[in-house]
Amino acid sequence: MAKKEPTKATSLRLEEDLWKELTTVARADETTISEVVREAIGKHIATRARDPEFQKQAKKNLEEDLATIKRLAEWADDPGAGE
């Protein structure tokens, strides 16, 4: 048997009509609501990852995060920095 990857619990707020549609899909597919949501999220992420504008924004976010991490590392080396 394949080892299952750990999961994270989260909550999700849906309009009632969307909730009904989601439960109908899960029941018709004989699966869980969680599995339907995981599959939809996976497809959405795969689609977004191929979008050049998304890639551009993700790269910008990464560069900003790396700059922040660098500043924090400098502060760790000099506790008086950043004051």
PDB file of N, CA and C in Angstrom:
ATOM      1  N   MET A   1       0.836  -1.182   0.000  1.00  0.00           N
ATOM      2  CA  MET A   1       0.000   0.000   0.000  1.00  0.00           C
ATOM      3  C   MET A   1       0.882   1.248   0.000  1.00  0.00           C
ATOM      4  N   ALA A   2       0.534   2.236  -0.822  1.00  0.00           N
ATOM      5  CA  ALA A   2       1.309   3.471  -0.912  1.00  0.00           C
ATOM      6  C   ALA A   2       1.128   4.300   0.360  1.00  0.00           C
ATOM      7  N   LYS A   3       2.209   4.933   0.766  1.00  0.00           N
ATOM      8  CA  LYS A   3       2.162   5.791   1.949  1.00  0.00           C
ATOM      9  C   LYS A   3       1.400   7.059   1.615  1.00  0.00           C
ATOM     10  N   LYS A   4       0.440   7.435   2.468  1.00  0.00           N
ATOM     11  CA  LYS A   4      -0.339   8.649   2.246  1.00  0.00           C
ATOM     12  C   LYS A   4       0.435   9.868   2.710  1.00  0.00           C
ATOM     13  N   GLU A   5       0.328  10.927   1.930  1.00  0.00           N
ATOM     14  CA  GLU A   5       0.958  12.191   2.280  1.00  0.00           C
ATOM     15  C   GLU A   5       0.158  12.852   3.396  1.00  0.00           C
ATOM     16  N   PRO A   6       0.822  13.492   4.374  1.00  0.00           N
ATOM     17  CA  PRO A   6       0.081  14.182   5.435  1.00  0.00           C
ATOM     18  C   PRO A   6      -0.812  15.274   4.846  1.00  0.00           C
ATOM     19  N   THR A   7      -1.902  15.533   5.507  1.00  0.00           N
ATOM     20  CA  THR A   7      -2.825  16.571   5.047  1.00  0.00           C
ATOM     21  C   THR A   7      -2.949  17.659   6.096  1.00  0.00           C
ATOM     22  N   LYS A   8      -3.453  18.791   5.677  1.00  0.00           N
ATOM     23  CA  LYS A   8      -3.736  19.918   6.561  1.00  0.00           C
ATOM     24  C   LYS A   8      -5.238  20.156   6.554  1.00  0.00           C
ATOM     25  N   ALA A   9      -5.793  20.388   7.706  1.00  0.00           N
ATOM     26  CA  ALA A   9      -7.222  20.692   7.802  1.00  0.00           C
ATOM     27  C   ALA A   9      -7.435  22.180   7.574  1.00  0.00           C
ATOM     28  N   THR A  10      -8.533  22.510   6.914  1.00  0.00           N
ATOM     29  CA  THR A  10      -8.878  23.903   6.673  1.00  0.00           C
ATOM     30  C   THR A  10     -10.392  24.020   6.655  1.00  0.00           C
ATOM     31  N   SER A  11     -10.885  25.221   6.771  1.00  0.00           N
ATOM     32  CA  SER A  11     -12.328  25.420   6.646  1.00  0.00           C
ATOM     33  C   SER A  11     -12.589  26.232   5.396  1.00  0.00           C
ATOM     34  N   LEU A  12     -13.780  26.105   4.886  1.00  0.00           N
ATOM     35  CA  LEU A  12     -14.134  26.730   3.624  1.00  0.00           C
ATOM     36  C   LEU A  12     -15.563  27.223   3.730  1.00  0.00           C
ATOM     37  N   ARG A  13     -15.789  28.457   3.381  1.00  0.00           N
ATOM     38  CA  ARG A  13     -17.144  29.009   3.390  1.00  0.00           C
ATOM     39  C   ARG A  13     -17.655  29.060   1.961  1.00  0.00           C
ATOM     40  N   LEU A  14     -18.819  28.448   1.753  1.00  0.00           N
ATOM     41  CA  LEU A  14     -19.419  28.390   0.426  1.00  0.00           C
ATOM     42  C   LEU A  14     -20.862  28.877   0.489  1.00  0.00           C
ATOM     43  N   GLU A  15     -21.304  29.481  -0.621  1.00  0.00           N
ATOM     44  CA  GLU A  15     -22.719  29.807  -0.723  1.00  0.00           C
ATOM     45  C   GLU A  15     -23.491  28.500  -0.720  1.00  0.00           C
ATOM     46  N   GLU A  16     -24.717  28.534  -0.233  1.00  0.00           N
ATOM     47  CA  GLU A  16     -25.492  27.307  -0.091  1.00  0.00           C
ATOM     48  C   GLU A  16     -25.671  26.571  -1.418  1.00  0.00           C
ATOM     49  N   ASP A  17     -25.931  27.308  -2.496  1.00  0.00           N
ATOM     50  CA  ASP A  17     -26.108  26.647  -3.791  1.00  0.00           C
ATOM     51  C   ASP A  17     -24.830  25.931  -4.229  1.00  0.00           C
ATOM     52  N   LEU A  18     -23.682  26.563  -4.014  1.00  0.00           N
ATOM     53  CA  LEU A  18     -22.417  25.925  -4.377  1.00  0.00           C
ATOM     54  C   LEU A  18     -22.180  24.683  -3.523  1.00  0.00           C
ATOM     55  N   TRP A  19     -22.522  24.770  -2.240  1.00  0.00           N
ATOM     56  CA  TRP A  19     -22.396  23.618  -1.348  1.00  0.00           C
ATOM     57  C   TRP A  19     -23.249  22.456  -1.854  1.00  0.00           C
ATOM     58  N   LYS A  20     -24.484  22.744  -2.233  1.00  0.00           N
ATOM     59  CA  LYS A  20     -25.373  21.694  -2.741  1.00  0.00           C
ATOM     60  C   LYS A  20     -24.804  21.069  -4.014  1.00  0.00           C
ATOM     61  N   GLU A  21     -24.274  21.904  -4.901  1.00  0.00           N
ATOM     62  CA  GLU A  21     -23.679  21.391  -6.131  1.00  0.00           C
ATOM     63  C   GLU A  21     -22.467  20.515  -5.831  1.00  0.00           C
ATOM     64  N   LEU A  22     -21.646  20.953  -4.895  1.00  0.00           N
ATOM     65  CA  LEU A  22     -20.463  20.195  -4.501  1.00  0.00           C
ATOM     66  C   LEU A  22     -20.849  18.839  -3.923  1.00  0.00           C
ATOM     67  N   THR A  23     -21.812  18.814  -3.035  1.00  0.00           N
ATOM     68  CA  THR A  23     -22.226  17.537  -2.448  1.00  0.00           C
ATOM     69  C   THR A  23     -22.852  16.621  -3.503  1.00  0.00           C
ATOM     70  N   THR A  24     -23.574  17.207  -4.450  1.00  0.00           N
ATOM     71  CA  THR A  24     -24.168  16.406  -5.523  1.00  0.00           C
ATOM     72  C   THR A  24     -23.083  15.765  -6.378  1.00  0.00           C
ATOM     73  N   VAL A  25     -22.053  16.532  -6.713  1.00  0.00           N
ATOM     74  CA  VAL A  25     -20.939  15.990  -7.512  1.00  0.00           C
ATOM     75  C   VAL A  25     -20.247  14.865  -6.743  1.00  0.00           C
ATOM     76  N   ALA A  26     -19.961  15.082  -5.479  1.00  0.00           N
ATOM     77  CA  ALA A  26     -19.276  14.061  -4.674  1.00  0.00           C
ATOM     78  C   ALA A  26     -20.108  12.782  -4.598  1.00  0.00           C
ATOM     79  N   ARG A  27     -21.393  12.925  -4.359  1.00  0.00           N
ATOM     80  CA  ARG A  27     -22.259  11.742  -4.279  1.00  0.00           C
ATOM     81  C   ARG A  27     -22.322  11.017  -5.616  1.00  0.00           C
ATOM     82  N   ALA A  28     -22.467  11.767  -6.703  1.00  0.00           N
ATOM     83  CA  ALA A  28     -22.555  11.150  -8.026  1.00  0.00           C
ATOM     84  C   ALA A  28     -21.257  10.435  -8.400  1.00  0.00           C
ATOM     85  N   ASP A  29     -20.134  11.005  -7.987  1.00  0.00           N
ATOM     86  CA  ASP A  29     -18.828  10.399  -8.270  1.00  0.00           C
ATOM     87  C   ASP A  29     -18.432   9.345  -7.234  1.00  0.00           C
ATOM     88  N   GLU A  30     -19.297   9.147  -6.241  1.00  0.00           N
ATOM     89  CA  GLU A  30     -19.038   8.197  -5.155  1.00  0.00           C
ATOM     90  C   GLU A  30     -17.680   8.445  -4.504  1.00  0.00           C
ATOM     91  N   THR A  31     -17.482   9.698  -4.137  1.00  0.00           N
ATOM     92  CA  THR A  31     -16.240  10.100  -3.483  1.00  0.00           C
ATOM     93  C   THR A  31     -16.573  11.109  -2.386  1.00  0.00           C
ATOM     94  N   THR A  32     -15.553  11.618  -1.748  1.00  0.00           N
ATOM     95  CA  THR A  32     -15.761  12.577  -0.669  1.00  0.00           C
ATOM     96  C   THR A  32     -15.733  14.008  -1.196  1.00  0.00           C
ATOM     97  N   ILE A  33     -16.334  14.885  -0.427  1.00  0.00           N
ATOM     98  CA  ILE A  33     -16.278  16.311  -0.755  1.00  0.00           C
ATOM     99  C   ILE A  33     -14.817  16.765  -0.755  1.00  0.00           C
ATOM    100  N   SER A  34     -14.046  16.293   0.212  1.00  0.00           N
ATOM    101  CA  SER A  34     -12.630  16.670   0.275  1.00  0.00           C
ATOM    102  C   SER A  34     -11.895  16.296  -0.998  1.00  0.00           C
ATOM    103  N   GLU A  35     -12.181  15.106  -1.532  1.00  0.00           N
ATOM    104  CA  GLU A  35     -11.499  14.669  -2.751  1.00  0.00           C
ATOM    105  C   GLU A  35     -11.888  15.532  -3.947  1.00  0.00           C
ATOM    106  N   VAL A  36     -13.174  15.904  -4.039  1.00  0.00           N
ATOM    107  CA  VAL A  36     -13.620  16.775  -5.138  1.00  0.00           C
ATOM    108  C   VAL A  36     -12.913  18.127  -5.037  1.00  0.00           C
ATOM    109  N   VAL A  37     -12.824  18.670  -3.828  1.00  0.00           N
ATOM    110  CA  VAL A  37     -12.166  19.965  -3.625  1.00  0.00           C
ATOM    111  C   VAL A  37     -10.680  19.861  -3.927  1.00  0.00           C
ATOM    112  N   ARG A  38     -10.004  18.800  -3.448  1.00  0.00           N
ATOM    113  CA  ARG A  38      -8.570  18.633  -3.731  1.00  0.00           C
ATOM    114  C   ARG A  38      -8.311  18.564  -5.232  1.00  0.00           C
ATOM    115  N   GLU A  39      -9.149  17.812  -5.938  1.00  0.00           N
ATOM    116  CA  GLU A  39      -8.978  17.683  -7.382  1.00  0.00           C
ATOM    117  C   GLU A  39      -9.168  19.029  -8.081  1.00  0.00           C
ATOM    118  N   ALA A  40     -10.200  19.772  -7.678  1.00  0.00           N
ATOM    119  CA  ALA A  40     -10.459  21.083  -8.295  1.00  0.00           C
ATOM    120  C   ALA A  40      -9.311  22.057  -8.012  1.00  0.00           C
ATOM    121  N   ILE A  41      -8.819  22.048  -6.790  1.00  0.00           N
ATOM    122  CA  ILE A  41      -7.703  22.935  -6.443  1.00  0.00           C
ATOM    123  C   ILE A  41      -6.457  22.549  -7.233  1.00  0.00           C
ATOM    124  N   GLY A  42      -6.189  21.253  -7.343  1.00  0.00           N
ATOM    125  CA  GLY A  42      -5.033  20.792  -8.106  1.00  0.00           C
ATOM    126  C   GLY A  42      -5.098  21.242  -9.560  1.00  0.00           C
ATOM    127  N   LYS A  43      -6.267  21.123 -10.166  1.00  0.00           N
ATOM    128  CA  LYS A  43      -6.435  21.558 -11.554  1.00  0.00           C
ATOM    129  C   LYS A  43      -6.260  23.065 -11.676  1.00  0.00           C
ATOM    130  N   HIS A  44      -6.802  23.811 -10.714  1.00  0.00           N
ATOM    131  CA  HIS A  44      -6.678  25.272 -10.748  1.00  0.00           C
ATOM    132  C   HIS A  44      -5.209  25.686 -10.639  1.00  0.00           C
ATOM    133  N   ILE A  45      -4.483  25.080  -9.722  1.00  0.00           N
ATOM    134  CA  ILE A  45      -3.069  25.419  -9.545  1.00  0.00           C
ATOM    135  C   ILE A  45      -2.275  25.081 -10.801  1.00  0.00           C
ATOM    136  N   ALA A  46      -2.537  23.929 -11.393  1.00  0.00           N
ATOM    137  CA  ALA A  46      -1.823  23.536 -12.617  1.00  0.00           C
ATOM    138  C   ALA A  46      -2.086  24.538 -13.741  1.00  0.00           C
ATOM    139  N   THR A  47      -3.324  24.981 -13.860  1.00  0.00           N
ATOM    140  CA  THR A  47      -3.675  25.964 -14.888  1.00  0.00           C
ATOM    141  C   THR A  47      -2.976  27.291 -14.629  1.00  0.00           C
ATOM    142  N   ARG A  48      -3.023  27.759 -13.400  1.00  0.00           N
ATOM    143  CA  ARG A  48      -2.382  29.039 -13.051  1.00  0.00           C
ATOM    144  C   ARG A  48      -0.873  28.972 -13.252  1.00  0.00           C
ATOM    145  N   ALA A  49      -0.267  27.849 -12.922  1.00  0.00           N
ATOM    146  CA  ALA A  49       1.188  27.711 -13.026  1.00  0.00           C
ATOM    147  C   ALA A  49       1.668  27.854 -14.463  1.00  0.00           C
ATOM    148  N   ARG A  50       0.823  27.576 -15.434  1.00  0.00           N
ATOM    149  CA  ARG A  50       1.201  27.705 -16.846  1.00  0.00           C
ATOM    150  C   ARG A  50       0.960  29.118 -17.378  1.00  0.00           C
ATOM    151  N   ASP A  51       0.327  29.977 -16.616  1.00  0.00           N
ATOM    152  CA  ASP A  51      -0.013  31.334 -17.051  1.00  0.00           C
ATOM    153  C   ASP A  51       1.206  32.247 -16.893  1.00  0.00           C
ATOM    154  N   PRO A  52       1.692  32.866 -17.984  1.00  0.00           N
ATOM    155  CA  PRO A  52       2.878  33.725 -17.899  1.00  0.00           C
ATOM    156  C   PRO A  52       2.722  34.890 -16.912  1.00  0.00           C
ATOM    157  N   GLU A  53       1.544  35.475 -16.825  1.00  0.00           N
ATOM    158  CA  GLU A  53       1.337  36.580 -15.874  1.00  0.00           C
ATOM    159  C   GLU A  53       1.435  36.080 -14.440  1.00  0.00           C
ATOM    160  N   PHE A  54       0.905  34.906 -14.181  1.00  0.00           N
ATOM    161  CA  PHE A  54       1.033  34.304 -12.854  1.00  0.00           C
ATOM    162  C   PHE A  54       2.502  34.054 -12.534  1.00  0.00           C
ATOM    163  N   GLN A  55       3.234  33.479 -13.484  1.00  0.00           N
ATOM    164  CA  GLN A  55       4.652  33.200 -13.274  1.00  0.00           C
ATOM    165  C   GLN A  55       5.422  34.483 -12.972  1.00  0.00           C
ATOM    166  N   LYS A  56       5.087  35.547 -13.688  1.00  0.00           N
ATOM    167  CA  LYS A  56       5.739  36.839 -13.477  1.00  0.00           C
ATOM    168  C   LYS A  56       5.479  37.348 -12.057  1.00  0.00           C
ATOM    169  N   GLN A  57       4.221  37.267 -11.612  1.00  0.00           N
ATOM    170  CA  GLN A  57       3.878  37.740 -10.266  1.00  0.00           C
ATOM    171  C   GLN A  57       4.506  36.848  -9.197  1.00  0.00           C
ATOM    172  N   ALA A  58       4.509  35.542  -9.425  1.00  0.00           N
ATOM    173  CA  ALA A  58       5.116  34.625  -8.460  1.00  0.00           C
ATOM    174  C   ALA A  58       6.609  34.906  -8.320  1.00  0.00           C
ATOM    175  N   LYS A  59       7.286  35.190  -9.440  1.00  0.00           N
ATOM    176  CA  LYS A  59       8.719  35.516  -9.393  1.00  0.00           C
ATOM    177  C   LYS A  59       8.941  36.808  -8.620  1.00  0.00           C
ATOM    178  N   LYS A  60       8.090  37.800  -8.848  1.00  0.00           N
ATOM    179  CA  LYS A  60       8.204  39.072  -8.120  1.00  0.00           C
ATOM    180  C   LYS A  60       8.026  38.838  -6.621  1.00  0.00           C
ATOM    181  N   ASN A  61       7.020  38.037  -6.255  1.00  0.00           N
ATOM    182  CA  ASN A  61       6.784  37.733  -4.839  1.00  0.00           C
ATOM    183  C   ASN A  61       7.992  37.032  -4.225  1.00  0.00           C
ATOM    184  N   LEU A  62       8.568  36.081  -4.960  1.00  0.00           N
ATOM    185  CA  LEU A  62       9.733  35.353  -4.475  1.00  0.00           C
ATOM    186  C   LEU A  62      10.907  36.303  -4.244  1.00  0.00           C
ATOM    187  N   GLU A  63      11.141  37.209  -5.187  1.00  0.00           N
ATOM    188  CA  GLU A  63      12.234  38.170  -5.041  1.00  0.00           C
ATOM    189  C   GLU A  63      12.024  39.058  -3.815  1.00  0.00           C
ATOM    190  N   GLU A  64      10.781  39.482  -3.589  1.00  0.00           N
ATOM    191  CA  GLU A  64      10.483  40.299  -2.406  1.00  0.00           C
ATOM    192  C   GLU A  64      10.704  39.503  -1.128  1.00  0.00           C
ATOM    193  N   ASP A  65      10.276  38.238  -1.127  1.00  0.00           N
ATOM    194  CA  ASP A  65      10.468  37.383   0.047  1.00  0.00           C
ATOM    195  C   ASP A  65      11.943  37.158   0.326  1.00  0.00           C
ATOM    196  N   LEU A  66      12.737  36.929  -0.731  1.00  0.00           N
ATOM    197  CA  LEU A  66      14.174  36.713  -0.549  1.00  0.00           C
ATOM    198  C   LEU A  66      14.856  37.961   0.008  1.00  0.00           C
ATOM    199  N   ALA A  67      14.423  39.134  -0.443  1.00  0.00           N
ATOM    200  CA  ALA A  67      14.986  40.381   0.091  1.00  0.00           C
ATOM    201  C   ALA A  67      14.662  40.519   1.579  1.00  0.00           C
ATOM    202  N   THR A  68      13.454  40.160   1.947  1.00  0.00           N
ATOM    203  CA  THR A  68      13.064  40.221   3.360  1.00  0.00           C
ATOM    204  C   THR A  68      13.881  39.239   4.187  1.00  0.00           C
ATOM    205  N   ILE A  69      14.047  38.018   3.694  1.00  0.00           N
ATOM    206  CA  ILE A  69      14.830  37.006   4.404  1.00  0.00           C
ATOM    207  C   ILE A  69      16.277  37.478   4.570  1.00  0.00           C
ATOM    208  N   LYS A  70      16.813  38.108   3.541  1.00  0.00           N
ATOM    209  CA  LYS A  70      18.185  38.627   3.620  1.00  0.00           C
ATOM    210  C   LYS A  70      18.294  39.683   4.717  1.00  0.00           C
ATOM    211  N   ARG A  71      17.323  40.613   4.760  1.00  0.00           N
ATOM    212  CA  ARG A  71      17.336  41.644   5.813  1.00  0.00           C
ATOM    213  C   ARG A  71      17.252  41.008   7.197  1.00  0.00           C
ATOM    214  N   LEU A  72      16.385  40.025   7.361  1.00  0.00           N
ATOM    215  CA  LEU A  72      16.244  39.359   8.654  1.00  0.00           C
ATOM    216  C   LEU A  72      17.527  38.645   9.046  1.00  0.00           C
ATOM    217  N   ALA A  73      18.203  38.048   8.089  1.00  0.00           N
ATOM    218  CA  ALA A  73      19.468  37.372   8.377  1.00  0.00           C
ATOM    219  C   ALA A  73      20.523  38.380   8.823  1.00  0.00           C
ATOM    220  N   GLU A  74      20.523  39.555   8.202  1.00  0.00           N
ATOM    221  CA  GLU A  74      21.461  40.604   8.607  1.00  0.00           C
ATOM    222  C   GLU A  74      21.181  41.056  10.032  1.00  0.00           C
ATOM    223  N   TRP A  75      19.903  41.161  10.372  1.00  0.00           N
ATOM    224  CA  TRP A  75      19.535  41.552  11.739  1.00  0.00           C
ATOM    225  C   TRP A  75      19.965  40.490  12.744  1.00  0.00           C
ATOM    226  N   ALA A  76      19.899  39.240  12.347  1.00  0.00           N
ATOM    227  CA  ALA A  76      20.326  38.158  13.239  1.00  0.00           C
ATOM    228  C   ALA A  76      21.819  38.253  13.518  1.00  0.00           C
ATOM    229  N   ASP A  77      22.584  38.695  12.485  1.00  0.00           N
ATOM    230  CA  ASP A  77      24.030  38.843  12.656  1.00  0.00           C
ATOM    231  C   ASP A  77      24.378  40.080  13.466  1.00  0.00           C
ATOM    232  N   ASP A  78      23.485  41.085  13.462  1.00  0.00           N
ATOM    233  CA  ASP A  78      23.711  42.352  14.172  1.00  0.00           C
ATOM    234  C   ASP A  78      22.428  42.713  14.914  1.00  0.00           C
ATOM    235  N   PRO A  79      22.299  42.284  16.173  1.00  0.00           N
ATOM    236  CA  PRO A  79      21.044  42.510  16.914  1.00  0.00           C
ATOM    237  C   PRO A  79      20.633  43.977  17.000  1.00  0.00           C
ATOM    238  N   GLY A  80      21.557  44.914  16.815  1.00  0.00           N
ATOM    239  CA  GLY A  80      21.218  46.337  16.863  1.00  0.00           C
ATOM    240  C   GLY A  80      20.658  46.849  15.551  1.00  0.00           C
ATOM    241  N   ALA A  81      20.753  46.080  14.486  1.00  0.00           N
ATOM    242  CA  ALA A  81      20.261  46.499  13.182  1.00  0.00           C
ATOM    243  C   ALA A  81      18.748  46.519  13.187  1.00  0.00           C
ATOM    244  N   GLY A  82      18.189  47.386  12.417  1.00  0.00           N
ATOM    245  CA  GLY A  82      16.727  47.462  12.281  1.00  0.00           C
ATOM    246  C   GLY A  82      16.059  48.284  13.360  1.00  0.00           C
ATOM    247  N   GLU A  83      16.856  48.790  14.293  1.00  0.00           N
ATOM    248  CA  GLU A  83      16.260  49.621  15.359  1.00  0.00           C
ATOM    249  C   GLU A  83      16.248  51.063  14.968  1.00  0.00           C
TER     250      GLU A  83
END
